[in-house]
Amino acid sequence: MLLEEHAVTNQVQLVELLEAQGVTATQATVSRDLDDLGAIKVRVPGGETVYAIPEMPMDRVAPEDHLRRVMGEWVADLGFSGNIVVLRTPPGSAHVVASALDRAGITEILGTVAGDDTLMVVARADVSGADLAKRLSDLAGL
């Protein structure tokens, strides 16, 4: 897939790569296709953002080994207060971890909110932030 082989930073670049492969497409078509595929922009070393396709479809529960890999690669630090756990990631990566957590089916998690390099994980009422932080820390290998 072109997005795996090239660091595609914008839709015009993708149209040009497709054309080089003999595929004629417009920017509007590429935009719709990227949306249909669930493509997201992720920050890569050096600060540039590129298109990427999440590994798991949004309607499937991600297996725990996928979550461990994502957490191990992207979570740099975590803390907790009450029933909230705050995770820190490299810039532009919080949404990757939030998406993996949302799709992991962890019953203790009520939901996530992601910014650029920080995400908040809210535990269900009967789960303490400390307990959830321990579980997430273990998953991240911290």
Protein backbone atom coordinates (compact mmCIF):
# COMPACT_ATOMS: atom_id res chain seq x y z
CA MET A 1 0.00 0.00 0.00
CA LEU A 2 1.30 3.45 -0.89
CA LEU A 3 0.77 4.85 2.61
CA GLU A 4 2.99 2.11 4.04
CA GLU A 5 5.72 2.61 1.42
CA HIS A 6 5.80 6.43 1.35
CA ALA A 7 5.53 9.20 3.94
CA VAL A 8 2.47 10.87 2.38
CA THR A 9 2.01 14.31 3.90
CA ASN A 10 -0.90 15.60 1.79
CA GLN A 11 -3.57 14.52 -0.66
CA VAL A 12 -1.90 16.12 -3.68
CA GLN A 13 1.18 14.00 -3.04
CA LEU A 14 -1.02 10.89 -2.87
CA VAL A 15 -2.70 11.80 -6.18
CA GLU A 16 0.79 12.11 -7.75
CA LEU A 17 1.90 8.74 -6.33
CA LEU A 18 -1.25 7.08 -7.66
CA GLU A 19 -0.66 8.65 -11.07
CA ALA A 20 2.89 7.25 -11.10
CA GLN A 21 1.29 3.82 -10.53
CA GLY A 22 -1.06 4.38 -13.48
CA VAL A 23 -4.12 5.24 -11.40
CA THR A 24 -5.97 8.45 -12.25
CA ALA A 25 -7.65 10.07 -9.24
CA THR A 26 -8.71 13.53 -8.18
CA GLN A 27 -7.95 15.16 -4.85
CA ALA A 28 -11.67 14.96 -3.98
CA THR A 29 -11.74 11.21 -4.67
CA VAL A 30 -8.57 10.66 -2.65
CA SER A 31 -10.07 12.67 0.21
CA ARG A 32 -13.20 10.50 0.26
CA ASP A 33 -11.16 7.30 -0.03
CA LEU A 34 -8.89 8.30 2.87
CA ASP A 35 -11.99 8.99 4.96
CA ASP A 36 -13.54 5.64 3.99
CA LEU A 37 -10.34 3.84 4.98
CA GLY A 38 -10.28 5.62 8.34
CA ALA A 39 -6.92 7.24 7.55
CA ILE A 40 -5.50 9.50 10.21
CA LYS A 41 -2.57 11.91 10.31
CA VAL A 42 0.24 10.90 12.67
CA ARG A 43 3.35 12.80 13.66
CA VAL A 44 6.61 11.09 12.72
CA PRO A 45 10.13 11.80 14.00
CA GLY A 46 11.14 15.22 12.76
CA GLY A 47 7.68 16.68 13.43
CA GLU A 48 6.09 16.06 10.03
CA THR A 49 2.57 14.59 9.86
CA VAL A 50 1.78 11.75 7.46
CA TYR A 51 -1.28 9.68 6.61
CA ALA A 52 -1.63 6.25 8.23
CA ILE A 53 -4.31 3.59 8.29
CA PRO A 54 -5.16 2.20 11.75
CA GLU A 55 -4.34 -1.49 12.01
CA MET A 56 -7.73 -2.56 13.32
CA PRO A 57 -11.15 -1.66 11.90
CA MET A 58 -13.11 0.57 14.28
CA ASP A 59 -15.85 -2.02 14.83
CA ARG A 60 -13.50 -4.81 15.96
CA VAL A 61 -12.15 -5.33 19.45
CA ALA A 62 -8.37 -5.12 19.40
CA PRO A 63 -6.53 -8.09 20.92
CA GLU A 64 -4.48 -7.44 24.06
CA ASP A 65 -1.15 -8.00 22.28
CA HIS A 66 -2.02 -5.14 19.89
CA LEU A 67 -2.80 -2.91 22.88
CA ARG A 68 0.47 -3.91 24.59
CA ARG A 69 2.42 -3.01 21.44
CA VAL A 70 0.71 0.37 21.06
CA MET A 71 1.07 1.19 24.75
CA GLY A 72 4.70 0.05 24.82
CA GLU A 73 5.61 2.12 21.78
CA TRP A 74 3.69 5.32 22.53
CA VAL A 75 3.13 5.77 26.29
CA ALA A 76 5.98 7.66 27.93
CA ASP A 77 4.49 8.36 31.37
CA LEU A 78 1.27 8.15 33.35
CA GLY A 79 -0.35 9.47 36.50
CA PHE A 80 -3.74 9.27 38.18
CA SER A 81 -6.19 11.15 40.37
CA GLY A 82 -9.51 9.83 41.63
CA ASN A 83 -10.94 7.74 38.79
CA ILE A 84 -8.86 9.44 36.06
CA VAL A 85 -5.60 8.26 34.53
CA VAL A 86 -3.51 10.66 32.45
CA LEU A 87 -1.14 9.21 29.85
CA ARG A 88 1.65 11.17 28.16
CA THR A 89 2.89 10.34 24.65
CA PRO A 90 5.23 11.90 22.09
CA PRO A 91 3.67 14.90 20.30
CA GLY A 92 0.89 13.93 17.90
CA SER A 93 0.47 10.41 19.28
CA ALA A 94 -2.17 10.59 22.00
CA HIS A 95 -5.01 9.75 19.59
CA VAL A 96 -3.26 6.52 18.56
CA VAL A 97 -3.20 5.29 22.17
CA ALA A 98 -6.75 6.53 22.85
CA SER A 99 -8.07 4.68 19.80
CA ALA A 100 -6.34 1.46 20.87
CA LEU A 101 -7.77 1.77 24.39
CA ASP A 102 -11.25 2.54 23.06
CA ARG A 103 -11.16 -0.59 20.89
CA ALA A 104 -9.59 -2.86 23.51
CA GLY A 105 -12.84 -3.58 25.31
CA ILE A 106 -11.38 -3.00 28.78
CA THR A 107 -14.44 -3.06 31.04
CA GLU A 108 -12.84 -0.79 33.65
CA ILE A 109 -12.61 2.10 31.13
CA LEU A 110 -15.59 4.41 30.66
CA GLY A 111 -13.88 6.41 27.89
CA THR A 112 -10.89 8.40 26.68
CA VAL A 113 -10.21 11.98 25.62
CA ALA A 114 -7.06 12.68 23.59
CA GLY A 115 -5.17 15.87 22.90
CA ASP A 116 -1.85 16.15 21.07
CA ASP A 117 0.51 14.47 23.54
CA THR A 118 -1.76 13.76 26.50
CA LEU A 119 -4.83 11.63 26.96
CA MET A 120 -7.24 11.19 29.82
CA VAL A 121 -8.72 7.79 30.59
CA VAL A 122 -11.81 7.80 32.80
CA ALA A 123 -12.39 4.70 34.90
CA ARG A 124 -15.87 3.42 35.69
CA ALA A 125 -17.28 4.51 39.06
CA ASP A 126 -16.39 1.24 40.80
CA VAL A 127 -12.73 1.31 39.63
CA SER A 128 -10.07 3.48 41.22
CA GLY A 129 -7.65 5.51 39.16
CA ALA A 130 -4.82 3.78 41.01
CA ASP A 131 -6.02 0.32 39.96
CA LEU A 132 -6.54 1.36 36.34
CA ALA A 133 -3.17 3.16 36.31
CA LYS A 134 -1.48 -0.05 37.48
CA ARG A 135 -3.12 -2.08 34.72
CA LEU A 136 -2.25 0.49 32.04
CA SER A 137 1.29 0.82 33.38
CA ASP A 138 1.71 -2.96 33.13
CA LEU A 139 0.40 -2.90 29.54
CA ALA A 140 2.86 -0.13 28.64
CA GLY A 141 5.77 -1.88 30.31
CA LEU A 142 6.42 1.07 32.63
